[in-house]
């Protein structure tokens, strides 16, 4: 019996970004240890979110070289989970988030979580969104002329 590879949103042509979630013990220095793994590489952390609990923490990261980062993490004994997200380049103006949320709610898209990027791809602030329906979210945001970024857009993102 042959096993076919799973189709991901990226493989279907959606502009997505790969997030890596790492489970670490909730102890002093664990986040520093994780971050230092990339200090001796060309891999850059472009976004990070920490979800704290009593015994452990989940570190969600977007890295500019997702495959290489995954290899570094697993080689160093970390459990890694990959998830496809959409990254929205926010429109200029003080109501950027309002317009983004309104577009998604108008398309009946539920947002599981959101966090900002540490860099400004294409010169604008951007947010990573985990949504319940990637295909629908992409369609809705494109119809409303939002700029969606993919992994290749982040390769050249600068933090200046």
C-alpha atoms as a PDB file:
ATOM      1  CA  UNK A   1       0.000   0.000   0.000  1.00  0.00           C
ATOM      2  CA  UNK A   2       1.541   3.311  -1.021  1.00  0.00           C
ATOM      3  CA  UNK A   3       1.235   6.342   1.179  1.00  0.00           C
ATOM      4  CA  UNK A   4       0.873   9.712  -0.523  1.00  0.00           C
ATOM      5  CA  UNK A   5       2.260  12.816   1.154  1.00  0.00           C
ATOM      6  CA  UNK A   6      -0.238  15.041   2.898  1.00  0.00           C
ATOM      7  CA  UNK A   7      -1.338  18.090   0.976  1.00  0.00           C
ATOM      8  CA  UNK A   8      -0.591  21.289   2.822  1.00  0.00           C
ATOM      9  CA  UNK A   9      -2.107  24.668   2.231  1.00  0.00           C
ATOM     10  CA  UNK A  10       1.230  25.823   0.814  1.00  0.00           C
ATOM     11  CA  UNK A  11       1.211  22.995  -1.706  1.00  0.00           C
ATOM     12  CA  UNK A  12      -2.233  24.108  -2.829  1.00  0.00           C
ATOM     13  CA  UNK A  13      -1.001  27.571  -3.743  1.00  0.00           C
ATOM     14  CA  UNK A  14      -2.167  29.523  -0.709  1.00  0.00           C
ATOM     15  CA  UNK A  15       0.203  32.197   0.598  1.00  0.00           C
ATOM     16  CA  UNK A  16       1.054  30.686   3.970  1.00  0.00           C
ATOM     17  CA  UNK A  17       3.900  30.778   6.434  1.00  0.00           C
ATOM     18  CA  UNK A  18       5.119  27.862   8.499  1.00  0.00           C
ATOM     19  CA  UNK A  19       5.057  28.260  12.265  1.00  0.00           C
ATOM     20  CA  UNK A  20       7.039  25.969  14.513  1.00  0.00           C
ATOM     21  CA  UNK A  21       5.786  25.292  18.005  1.00  0.00           C
ATOM     22  CA  UNK A  22       8.250  23.980  20.541  1.00  0.00           C
ATOM     23  CA  UNK A  23       7.352  22.559  23.934  1.00  0.00           C
ATOM     24  CA  UNK A  24       9.844  23.428  26.659  1.00  0.00           C
ATOM     25  CA  UNK A  25      10.001  22.953  30.402  1.00  0.00           C
ATOM     26  CA  UNK A  26       8.941  25.977  32.372  1.00  0.00           C
ATOM     27  CA  UNK A  27      12.272  26.656  34.031  1.00  0.00           C
ATOM     28  CA  UNK A  28      14.713  29.518  34.257  1.00  0.00           C
ATOM     29  CA  UNK A  29      16.839  29.856  31.116  1.00  0.00           C
ATOM     30  CA  UNK A  30      14.856  27.482  28.888  1.00  0.00           C
ATOM     31  CA  UNK A  31      13.802  30.215  26.459  1.00  0.00           C
ATOM     32  CA  UNK A  32      17.368  31.533  26.328  1.00  0.00           C
ATOM     33  CA  UNK A  33      18.659  28.031  25.585  1.00  0.00           C
ATOM     34  CA  UNK A  34      16.160  27.648  22.766  1.00  0.00           C
ATOM     35  CA  UNK A  35      17.000  31.036  21.265  1.00  0.00           C
ATOM     36  CA  UNK A  36      20.765  30.385  21.437  1.00  0.00           C
ATOM     37  CA  UNK A  37      20.370  27.426  19.098  1.00  0.00           C
ATOM     38  CA  UNK A  38      20.023  29.903  16.247  1.00  0.00           C
ATOM     39  CA  UNK A  39      22.833  32.205  17.372  1.00  0.00           C
ATOM     40  CA  UNK A  40      25.479  30.240  15.449  1.00  0.00           C
ATOM     41  CA  UNK A  41      23.350  29.901  12.300  1.00  0.00           C
ATOM     42  CA  UNK A  42      21.964  32.181   9.599  1.00  0.00           C
ATOM     43  CA  UNK A  43      18.429  31.409  10.789  1.00  0.00           C
ATOM     44  CA  UNK A  44      16.514  34.419  12.092  1.00  0.00           C
ATOM     45  CA  UNK A  45      13.517  34.419  14.393  1.00  0.00           C
ATOM     46  CA  UNK A  46      10.961  36.672  12.695  1.00  0.00           C
ATOM     47  CA  UNK A  47       8.107  36.265  15.185  1.00  0.00           C
ATOM     48  CA  UNK A  48       7.706  34.655  18.580  1.00  0.00           C
ATOM     49  CA  UNK A  49       4.887  34.017  21.018  1.00  0.00           C
ATOM     50  CA  UNK A  50       5.160  32.348  24.415  1.00  0.00           C
ATOM     51  CA  UNK A  51       2.191  30.519  25.918  1.00  0.00           C
ATOM     52  CA  UNK A  52       2.902  29.913  29.595  1.00  0.00           C
ATOM     53  CA  UNK A  53       1.581  27.181  31.863  1.00  0.00           C
ATOM     54  CA  UNK A  54       2.708  25.904  35.242  1.00  0.00           C
ATOM     55  CA  UNK A  55       4.820  22.979  34.014  1.00  0.00           C
ATOM     56  CA  UNK A  56       5.728  23.894  30.439  1.00  0.00           C
ATOM     57  CA  UNK A  57       5.578  26.588  27.834  1.00  0.00           C
ATOM     58  CA  UNK A  58       4.733  26.512  24.150  1.00  0.00           C
ATOM     59  CA  UNK A  59       6.998  28.701  22.070  1.00  0.00           C
ATOM     60  CA  UNK A  60       5.486  29.571  18.699  1.00  0.00           C
ATOM     61  CA  UNK A  61       8.008  30.888  16.191  1.00  0.00           C
ATOM     62  CA  UNK A  62       8.196  31.954  12.598  1.00  0.00           C
ATOM     63  CA  UNK A  63      11.709  31.600  11.259  1.00  0.00           C
ATOM     64  CA  UNK A  64      13.072  32.761   7.928  1.00  0.00           C
ATOM     65  CA  UNK A  65      14.376  29.269   7.082  1.00  0.00           C
ATOM     66  CA  UNK A  66      11.685  26.921   8.353  1.00  0.00           C
ATOM     67  CA  UNK A  67      13.218  23.643   7.127  1.00  0.00           C
ATOM     68  CA  UNK A  68      16.663  24.416   8.505  1.00  0.00           C
ATOM     69  CA  UNK A  69      15.154  25.600  11.796  1.00  0.00           C
ATOM     70  CA  UNK A  70      13.158  22.386  12.113  1.00  0.00           C
ATOM     71  CA  UNK A  71      16.363  20.378  11.635  1.00  0.00           C
ATOM     72  CA  UNK A  72      18.222  22.423  14.276  1.00  0.00           C
ATOM     73  CA  UNK A  73      15.406  22.030  16.787  1.00  0.00           C
ATOM     74  CA  UNK A  74      14.937  18.283  16.342  1.00  0.00           C
ATOM     75  CA  UNK A  75      18.705  17.658  16.282  1.00  0.00           C
ATOM     76  CA  UNK A  76      18.863  19.326  19.699  1.00  0.00           C
ATOM     77  CA  UNK A  77      16.108  17.163  21.158  1.00  0.00           C
ATOM     78  CA  UNK A  78      13.152  19.541  21.002  1.00  0.00           C
ATOM     79  CA  UNK A  79       9.673  18.341  20.115  1.00  0.00           C
ATOM     80  CA  UNK A  80       8.480  20.468  17.183  1.00  0.00           C
ATOM     81  CA  UNK A  81       5.051  20.858  15.644  1.00  0.00           C
ATOM     82  CA  UNK A  82       4.532  22.687  12.338  1.00  0.00           C
ATOM     83  CA  UNK A  83       1.408  24.691  11.489  1.00  0.00           C
ATOM     84  CA  UNK A  84       0.490  26.739   8.434  1.00  0.00           C
ATOM     85  CA  UNK A  85      -0.558  30.328   9.180  1.00  0.00           C
ATOM     86  CA  UNK A  86      -1.531  33.336   7.154  1.00  0.00           C
ATOM     87  CA  UNK A  87       0.526  36.487   7.533  1.00  0.00           C
ATOM     88  CA  UNK A  88      -1.295  39.724   6.783  1.00  0.00           C
ATOM     89  CA  UNK A  89       0.551  42.899   5.953  1.00  0.00           C
ATOM     90  CA  UNK A  90      -1.418  45.507   7.846  1.00  0.00           C
ATOM     91  CA  UNK A  91      -2.768  48.479   5.947  1.00  0.00           C
ATOM     92  CA  UNK A  92      -1.461  51.858   7.064  1.00  0.00           C
ATOM     93  CA  UNK A  93      -3.547  53.849   9.480  1.00  0.00           C
ATOM     94  CA  UNK A  94      -4.788  53.605  13.018  1.00  0.00           C
ATOM     95  CA  UNK A  95      -7.629  51.203  12.165  1.00  0.00           C
ATOM     96  CA  UNK A  96      -5.540  48.498  10.522  1.00  0.00           C
ATOM     97  CA  UNK A  97      -6.513  45.812  13.017  1.00  0.00           C
ATOM     98  CA  UNK A  98     -10.163  46.854  12.969  1.00  0.00           C
ATOM     99  CA  UNK A  99     -10.291  46.478   9.184  1.00  0.00           C
ATOM    100  CA  UNK A 100      -8.504  43.121   9.340  1.00  0.00           C
ATOM    101  CA  UNK A 101     -10.840  41.701  12.002  1.00  0.00           C
ATOM    102  CA  UNK A 102     -13.901  43.050  10.183  1.00  0.00           C
ATOM    103  CA  UNK A 103     -12.812  41.369   6.945  1.00  0.00           C
ATOM    104  CA  UNK A 104     -12.293  38.034   8.665  1.00  0.00           C
ATOM    105  CA  UNK A 105     -15.529  38.156  10.665  1.00  0.00           C
ATOM    106  CA  UNK A 106     -17.372  39.146   7.497  1.00  0.00           C
ATOM    107  CA  UNK A 107     -16.103  35.927   5.939  1.00  0.00           C
ATOM    108  CA  UNK A 108     -17.115  33.927   9.030  1.00  0.00           C
ATOM    109  CA  UNK A 109     -13.495  33.108   9.832  1.00  0.00           C
ATOM    110  CA  UNK A 110     -12.621  32.263  13.429  1.00  0.00           C
ATOM    111  CA  UNK A 111      -9.238  33.408  14.683  1.00  0.00           C
ATOM    112  CA  UNK A 112      -7.533  30.976  17.047  1.00  0.00           C
ATOM    113  CA  UNK A 113      -4.596  33.242  17.857  1.00  0.00           C
ATOM    114  CA  UNK A 114      -2.566  36.132  16.473  1.00  0.00           C
ATOM    115  CA  UNK A 115       0.871  37.599  17.123  1.00  0.00           C
ATOM    116  CA  UNK A 116       2.962  40.305  15.443  1.00  0.00           C
ATOM    117  CA  UNK A 117       6.109  39.846  13.416  1.00  0.00           C
ATOM    118  CA  UNK A 118       9.310  41.372  14.746  1.00  0.00           C
ATOM    119  CA  UNK A 119      10.247  42.536  11.244  1.00  0.00           C
ATOM    120  CA  UNK A 120       8.429  44.694   8.697  1.00  0.00           C
ATOM    121  CA  UNK A 121       8.152  42.706   5.468  1.00  0.00           C
ATOM    122  CA  UNK A 122       7.599  45.010   2.501  1.00  0.00           C
ATOM    123  CA  UNK A 123       7.924  47.982   4.883  1.00  0.00           C
ATOM    124  CA  UNK A 124       4.670  47.397   6.795  1.00  0.00           C
ATOM    125  CA  UNK A 125       3.703  45.901  10.112  1.00  0.00           C
ATOM    126  CA  UNK A 126       2.400  42.346   9.796  1.00  0.00           C
ATOM    127  CA  UNK A 127       0.573  39.812  11.930  1.00  0.00           C
ATOM    128  CA  UNK A 128       0.572  36.029  11.884  1.00  0.00           C
ATOM    129  CA  UNK A 129      -2.919  34.530  12.216  1.00  0.00           C
ATOM    130  CA  UNK A 130      -3.976  30.997  12.955  1.00  0.00           C
ATOM    131  CA  UNK A 131      -7.494  30.680  11.565  1.00  0.00           C
ATOM    132  CA  UNK A 132     -10.022  27.886  11.340  1.00  0.00           C
ATOM    133  CA  UNK A 133     -10.179  27.889   7.529  1.00  0.00           C
ATOM    134  CA  UNK A 134      -7.060  28.932   5.602  1.00  0.00           C
ATOM    135  CA  UNK A 135      -8.607  28.744   2.150  1.00  0.00           C
ATOM    136  CA  UNK A 136     -11.620  30.865   3.111  1.00  0.00           C
ATOM    137  CA  UNK A 137      -9.463  33.397   4.994  1.00  0.00           C
ATOM    138  CA  UNK A 138      -7.159  33.817   2.001  1.00  0.00           C
ATOM    139  CA  UNK A 139     -10.115  34.259  -0.337  1.00  0.00           C
ATOM    140  CA  UNK A 140     -11.817  36.820   1.910  1.00  0.00           C
ATOM    141  CA  UNK A 141      -8.674  38.855   2.535  1.00  0.00           C
ATOM    142  CA  UNK A 142      -7.702  38.851  -1.134  1.00  0.00           C
ATOM    143  CA  UNK A 143     -11.199  40.020  -2.114  1.00  0.00           C
ATOM    144  CA  UNK A 144     -10.741  42.941   0.266  1.00  0.00           C
ATOM    145  CA  UNK A 145      -7.300  43.676  -1.198  1.00  0.00           C
ATOM    146  CA  UNK A 146      -5.191  42.775   1.819  1.00  0.00           C
ATOM    147  CA  UNK A 147      -1.566  41.894   1.108  1.00  0.00           C
ATOM    148  CA  UNK A 148      -0.879  38.320   2.230  1.00  0.00           C
ATOM    149  CA  UNK A 149       2.696  37.195   2.673  1.00  0.00           C
ATOM    150  CA  UNK A 150       4.255  33.799   2.221  1.00  0.00           C
ATOM    151  CA  UNK A 151       7.487  32.212   3.377  1.00  0.00           C
ATOM    152  CA  UNK A 152       9.447  33.675   0.452  1.00  0.00           C
ATOM    153  CA  UNK A 153       8.376  37.221   1.432  1.00  0.00           C
ATOM    154  CA  UNK A 154       9.934  36.658   4.841  1.00  0.00           C
ATOM    155  CA  UNK A 155      13.312  35.531   3.495  1.00  0.00           C
ATOM    156  CA  UNK A 156      14.189  39.117   2.641  1.00  0.00           C
ATOM    157  CA  UNK A 157      12.402  40.757   5.578  1.00  0.00           C
ATOM    158  CA  UNK A 158      14.559  43.167   7.492  1.00  0.00           C
ATOM    159  CA  UNK A 159      14.166  44.259  11.079  1.00  0.00           C
ATOM    160  CA  UNK A 160      15.335  47.829  10.478  1.00  0.00           C
END
